[in-house]
Amino acid sequence: MSATNSNTNSLILLGARVLLAAMFLLAGFPKLIDPSGTSGMIAGAGLPAATALAYIAGIFEVVSGLAILLGFQTKIAAFALALFCLFTAFVFHNGPIVVPDFPEGANNLLTMFNGLIFWKNIAVAGGFLGLAAAGAGAYSIDGRRG
């Protein structure tokens, strides 16, 4: 591979890391500030210790998001985030949404949005698997460390 292709690939991987990390940094920090919404979803899914799990999810999203952004232990972080995306897709975004006393049309719209989030998580998991296979590229801590 030529140096130009290698530089281009590293720039593309940097862009992928920035875009993928942004979602998790922007989702993780609010969980640490106010975990109530996330803990409600966790409790609604029947999982125990909902508030603790919300904080753990927030910490995981921030730490792994920073690892992806900086390109540190990228393959490990990307694989862990792929698993996280798959878990959240199947546990929290799989199936109908029924809010009591909401009109049927509103519940149908919420169910449609939930289905979109399900497939977004599946697609993002695929992006992270690609990053896990390719690595962070030259413009990263991993790239500098060899």
C-alpha atoms as a PDB file:
ATOM      1  CA  MET A   1       0.000   0.000   0.000  1.00  0.00           C
ATOM      2  CA  SER A   2       1.353   3.429  -0.857  1.00  0.00           C
ATOM      3  CA  ALA A   3       2.001   6.111   1.758  1.00  0.00           C
ATOM      4  CA  THR A   4      -0.827   8.205   0.271  1.00  0.00           C
ATOM      5  CA  ASN A   5      -3.343   5.376   0.677  1.00  0.00           C
ATOM      6  CA  SER A   6      -2.086   4.740   4.211  1.00  0.00           C
ATOM      7  CA  ASN A   7      -2.511   8.427   5.122  1.00  0.00           C
ATOM      8  CA  THR A   8      -5.965   8.532   3.538  1.00  0.00           C
ATOM      9  CA  ASN A   9      -7.013   5.378   5.393  1.00  0.00           C
ATOM     10  CA  SER A  10      -5.710   6.800   8.664  1.00  0.00           C
ATOM     11  CA  LEU A  11      -7.691  10.007   8.107  1.00  0.00           C
ATOM     12  CA  ILE A  12     -10.826   7.990   7.354  1.00  0.00           C
ATOM     13  CA  LEU A  13     -10.281   5.915  10.519  1.00  0.00           C
ATOM     14  CA  LEU A  14      -9.797   9.137  12.502  1.00  0.00           C
ATOM     15  CA  GLY A  15     -13.078  10.461  11.130  1.00  0.00           C
ATOM     16  CA  ALA A  16     -14.826   7.189  11.974  1.00  0.00           C
ATOM     17  CA  ARG A  17     -13.436   7.298  15.511  1.00  0.00           C
ATOM     18  CA  VAL A  18     -14.560  10.908  16.048  1.00  0.00           C
ATOM     19  CA  LEU A  19     -18.078  10.224  14.756  1.00  0.00           C
ATOM     20  CA  LEU A  20     -18.523   6.980  16.692  1.00  0.00           C
ATOM     21  CA  ALA A  21     -17.026   8.377  19.905  1.00  0.00           C
ATOM     22  CA  ALA A  22     -19.208  11.501  19.824  1.00  0.00           C
ATOM     23  CA  MET A  23     -22.380   9.450  20.200  1.00  0.00           C
ATOM     24  CA  PHE A  24     -21.123   7.687  23.325  1.00  0.00           C
ATOM     25  CA  LEU A  25     -19.577  10.752  24.935  1.00  0.00           C
ATOM     26  CA  LEU A  26     -22.798  12.696  24.381  1.00  0.00           C
ATOM     27  CA  ALA A  27     -24.875   9.792  25.755  1.00  0.00           C
ATOM     28  CA  GLY A  28     -22.603   8.920  28.675  1.00  0.00           C
ATOM     29  CA  PHE A  29     -22.131  12.301  30.384  1.00  0.00           C
ATOM     30  CA  PRO A  30     -25.868  12.924  30.934  1.00  0.00           C
ATOM     31  CA  LYS A  31     -26.202   9.493  32.593  1.00  0.00           C
ATOM     32  CA  LEU A  32     -23.579  10.572  35.124  1.00  0.00           C
ATOM     33  CA  ILE A  33     -25.297  13.893  35.811  1.00  0.00           C
ATOM     34  CA  ASP A  34     -28.877  12.578  36.012  1.00  0.00           C
ATOM     35  CA  PRO A  35     -29.284   8.811  35.659  1.00  0.00           C
ATOM     36  CA  SER A  36     -33.053   8.824  36.310  1.00  0.00           C
ATOM     37  CA  GLY A  37     -34.184   8.381  32.686  1.00  0.00           C
ATOM     38  CA  THR A  38     -31.743   5.568  32.048  1.00  0.00           C
ATOM     39  CA  SER A  39     -32.448   3.897  35.370  1.00  0.00           C
ATOM     40  CA  GLY A  40     -36.160   3.984  34.496  1.00  0.00           C
ATOM     41  CA  MET A  41     -35.478   2.165  31.217  1.00  0.00           C
ATOM     42  CA  ILE A  42     -33.274  -0.350  33.019  1.00  0.00           C
ATOM     43  CA  ALA A  43     -35.900  -1.000  35.673  1.00  0.00           C
ATOM     44  CA  GLY A  44     -38.574  -1.258  32.976  1.00  0.00           C
ATOM     45  CA  ALA A  45     -36.533  -4.004  31.313  1.00  0.00           C
ATOM     46  CA  GLY A  46     -36.587  -5.938  34.583  1.00  0.00           C
ATOM     47  CA  LEU A  47     -32.899  -5.590  35.399  1.00  0.00           C
ATOM     48  CA  PRO A  48     -31.866  -5.157  39.055  1.00  0.00           C
ATOM     49  CA  ALA A  49     -29.971  -2.224  40.606  1.00  0.00           C
ATOM     50  CA  ALA A  50     -31.178   0.169  37.933  1.00  0.00           C
ATOM     51  CA  THR A  51     -29.510   3.316  39.270  1.00  0.00           C
ATOM     52  CA  ALA A  52     -26.163   1.586  39.751  1.00  0.00           C
ATOM     53  CA  LEU A  53     -26.369   0.117  36.253  1.00  0.00           C
ATOM     54  CA  ALA A  54     -27.197   3.561  34.829  1.00  0.00           C
ATOM     55  CA  TYR A  55     -24.044   5.010  36.403  1.00  0.00           C
ATOM     56  CA  ILE A  56     -22.006   2.021  35.202  1.00  0.00           C
ATOM     57  CA  ALA A  57     -23.370   2.492  31.668  1.00  0.00           C
ATOM     58  CA  GLY A  58     -22.494   6.191  31.799  1.00  0.00           C
ATOM     59  CA  ILE A  59     -18.948   5.489  32.975  1.00  0.00           C
ATOM     60  CA  PHE A  60     -18.543   2.770  30.342  1.00  0.00           C
ATOM     61  CA  GLU A  61     -19.794   5.053  27.551  1.00  0.00           C
ATOM     62  CA  VAL A  62     -17.517   7.940  28.571  1.00  0.00           C
ATOM     63  CA  VAL A  63     -14.387   5.837  29.123  1.00  0.00           C
ATOM     64  CA  SER A  64     -14.812   3.698  26.017  1.00  0.00           C
ATOM     65  CA  GLY A  65     -15.848   6.763  23.975  1.00  0.00           C
ATOM     66  CA  LEU A  66     -12.642   8.540  25.022  1.00  0.00           C
ATOM     67  CA  ALA A  67     -10.612   5.413  24.198  1.00  0.00           C
ATOM     68  CA  ILE A  68     -12.104   5.356  20.690  1.00  0.00           C
ATOM     69  CA  LEU A  69     -11.657   9.102  20.215  1.00  0.00           C
ATOM     70  CA  LEU A  70      -8.000   9.012  21.259  1.00  0.00           C
ATOM     71  CA  GLY A  71      -7.317   5.685  19.579  1.00  0.00           C
ATOM     72  CA  PHE A  72      -6.194   3.974  22.778  1.00  0.00           C
ATOM     73  CA  GLN A  73      -6.698   0.195  22.995  1.00  0.00           C
ATOM     74  CA  THR A  74      -9.031   0.760  20.059  1.00  0.00           C
ATOM     75  CA  LYS A  75      -9.631  -2.838  19.060  1.00  0.00           C
ATOM     76  CA  ILE A  76     -10.652  -3.798  22.603  1.00  0.00           C
ATOM     77  CA  ALA A  77     -12.818  -0.702  23.121  1.00  0.00           C
ATOM     78  CA  ALA A  78     -14.469  -1.101  19.713  1.00  0.00           C
ATOM     79  CA  PHE A  79     -15.298  -4.755  20.336  1.00  0.00           C
ATOM     80  CA  ALA A  80     -16.719  -3.922  23.789  1.00  0.00           C
ATOM     81  CA  LEU A  81     -18.838  -1.133  22.313  1.00  0.00           C
ATOM     82  CA  ALA A  82     -20.098  -3.455  19.562  1.00  0.00           C
ATOM     83  CA  LEU A  83     -21.287  -5.881  22.248  1.00  0.00           C
ATOM     84  CA  PHE A  84     -22.823  -2.995  24.222  1.00  0.00           C
ATOM     85  CA  CYS A  85     -24.727  -1.824  21.126  1.00  0.00           C
ATOM     86  CA  LEU A  86     -26.059  -5.313  20.479  1.00  0.00           C
ATOM     87  CA  PHE A  87     -27.062  -5.770  24.120  1.00  0.00           C
ATOM     88  CA  THR A  88     -28.905  -2.450  24.274  1.00  0.00           C
ATOM     89  CA  ALA A  89     -30.592  -3.093  20.924  1.00  0.00           C
ATOM     90  CA  PHE A  90     -32.035  -6.422  21.996  1.00  0.00           C
ATOM     91  CA  VAL A  91     -32.809  -5.565  25.628  1.00  0.00           C
ATOM     92  CA  PHE A  92     -34.107  -1.984  25.351  1.00  0.00           C
ATOM     93  CA  HIS A  93     -35.096  -1.338  21.743  1.00  0.00           C
ATOM     94  CA  ASN A  94     -36.684  -4.600  20.633  1.00  0.00           C
ATOM     95  CA  GLY A  95     -40.457  -4.602  20.620  1.00  0.00           C
ATOM     96  CA  PRO A  96     -43.460  -2.339  20.911  1.00  0.00           C
ATOM     97  CA  ILE A  97     -43.746   0.693  23.170  1.00  0.00           C
ATOM     98  CA  VAL A  98     -47.040   1.000  24.991  1.00  0.00           C
ATOM     99  CA  VAL A  99     -47.483   4.014  27.244  1.00  0.00           C
ATOM    100  CA  PRO A 100     -50.719   3.739  29.224  1.00  0.00           C
ATOM    101  CA  ASP A 101     -53.278   6.437  28.379  1.00  0.00           C
ATOM    102  CA  PHE A 102     -51.391   7.435  25.210  1.00  0.00           C
ATOM    103  CA  PRO A 103     -53.350   7.392  21.948  1.00  0.00           C
ATOM    104  CA  GLU A 104     -52.716   4.335  19.795  1.00  0.00           C
ATOM    105  CA  GLY A 105     -51.119   6.519  17.112  1.00  0.00           C
ATOM    106  CA  ALA A 106     -48.638   7.950  19.615  1.00  0.00           C
ATOM    107  CA  ASN A 107     -47.679   4.472  20.825  1.00  0.00           C
ATOM    108  CA  ASN A 108     -47.292   3.347  17.213  1.00  0.00           C
ATOM    109  CA  LEU A 109     -44.977   6.296  16.545  1.00  0.00           C
ATOM    110  CA  LEU A 110     -42.911   5.481  19.650  1.00  0.00           C
ATOM    111  CA  THR A 111     -42.711   1.847  18.513  1.00  0.00           C
ATOM    112  CA  MET A 112     -41.509   2.984  15.082  1.00  0.00           C
ATOM    113  CA  PHE A 113     -38.811   5.195  16.679  1.00  0.00           C
ATOM    114  CA  ASN A 114     -37.779   2.317  18.931  1.00  0.00           C
ATOM    115  CA  GLY A 115     -37.391   0.101  15.849  1.00  0.00           C
ATOM    116  CA  LEU A 116     -35.209   2.741  14.208  1.00  0.00           C
ATOM    117  CA  ILE A 117     -33.027   2.897  17.323  1.00  0.00           C
ATOM    118  CA  PHE A 118     -32.795  -0.917  17.292  1.00  0.00           C
ATOM    119  CA  TRP A 119     -31.421  -0.885  13.728  1.00  0.00           C
ATOM    120  CA  LYS A 120     -29.183   2.128  14.477  1.00  0.00           C
ATOM    121  CA  ASN A 121     -27.594   0.131  17.288  1.00  0.00           C
ATOM    122  CA  ILE A 122     -27.119  -2.877  15.006  1.00  0.00           C
ATOM    123  CA  ALA A 123     -25.477  -0.652  12.356  1.00  0.00           C
ATOM    124  CA  VAL A 124     -23.226   1.074  14.910  1.00  0.00           C
ATOM    125  CA  ALA A 125     -22.180  -2.363  16.213  1.00  0.00           C
ATOM    126  CA  GLY A 126     -21.126  -3.160  12.640  1.00  0.00           C
ATOM    127  CA  GLY A 127     -19.095   0.044  12.496  1.00  0.00           C
ATOM    128  CA  PHE A 128     -17.358  -0.864  15.737  1.00  0.00           C
ATOM    129  CA  LEU A 129     -16.604  -4.385  14.475  1.00  0.00           C
ATOM    130  CA  GLY A 130     -15.005  -2.807  11.407  1.00  0.00           C
ATOM    131  CA  LEU A 131     -12.946  -0.539  13.659  1.00  0.00           C
ATOM    132  CA  ALA A 132     -11.994  -3.527  15.813  1.00  0.00           C
ATOM    133  CA  ALA A 133     -10.696  -5.279  12.693  1.00  0.00           C
ATOM    134  CA  ALA A 134      -8.946  -2.262  11.146  1.00  0.00           C
ATOM    135  CA  GLY A 135      -7.540  -0.653  14.275  1.00  0.00           C
ATOM    136  CA  ALA A 136      -7.238   3.054  14.987  1.00  0.00           C
ATOM    137  CA  GLY A 137      -4.891   4.087  12.188  1.00  0.00           C
ATOM    138  CA  ALA A 138      -1.742   6.188  12.397  1.00  0.00           C
ATOM    139  CA  TYR A 139      -3.416   9.228  13.952  1.00  0.00           C
ATOM    140  CA  SER A 140      -3.976   7.621  17.341  1.00  0.00           C
ATOM    141  CA  ILE A 141      -2.243   6.623  20.538  1.00  0.00           C
ATOM    142  CA  ASP A 142      -2.219   3.029  19.282  1.00  0.00           C
ATOM    143  CA  GLY A 143      -0.594   4.175  16.021  1.00  0.00           C
ATOM    144  CA  ARG A 144       2.107   6.119  17.875  1.00  0.00           C
ATOM    145  CA  ARG A 145       2.878   3.157  20.129  1.00  0.00           C
ATOM    146  CA  GLY A 146       3.290   0.835  17.153  1.00  0.00           C
END
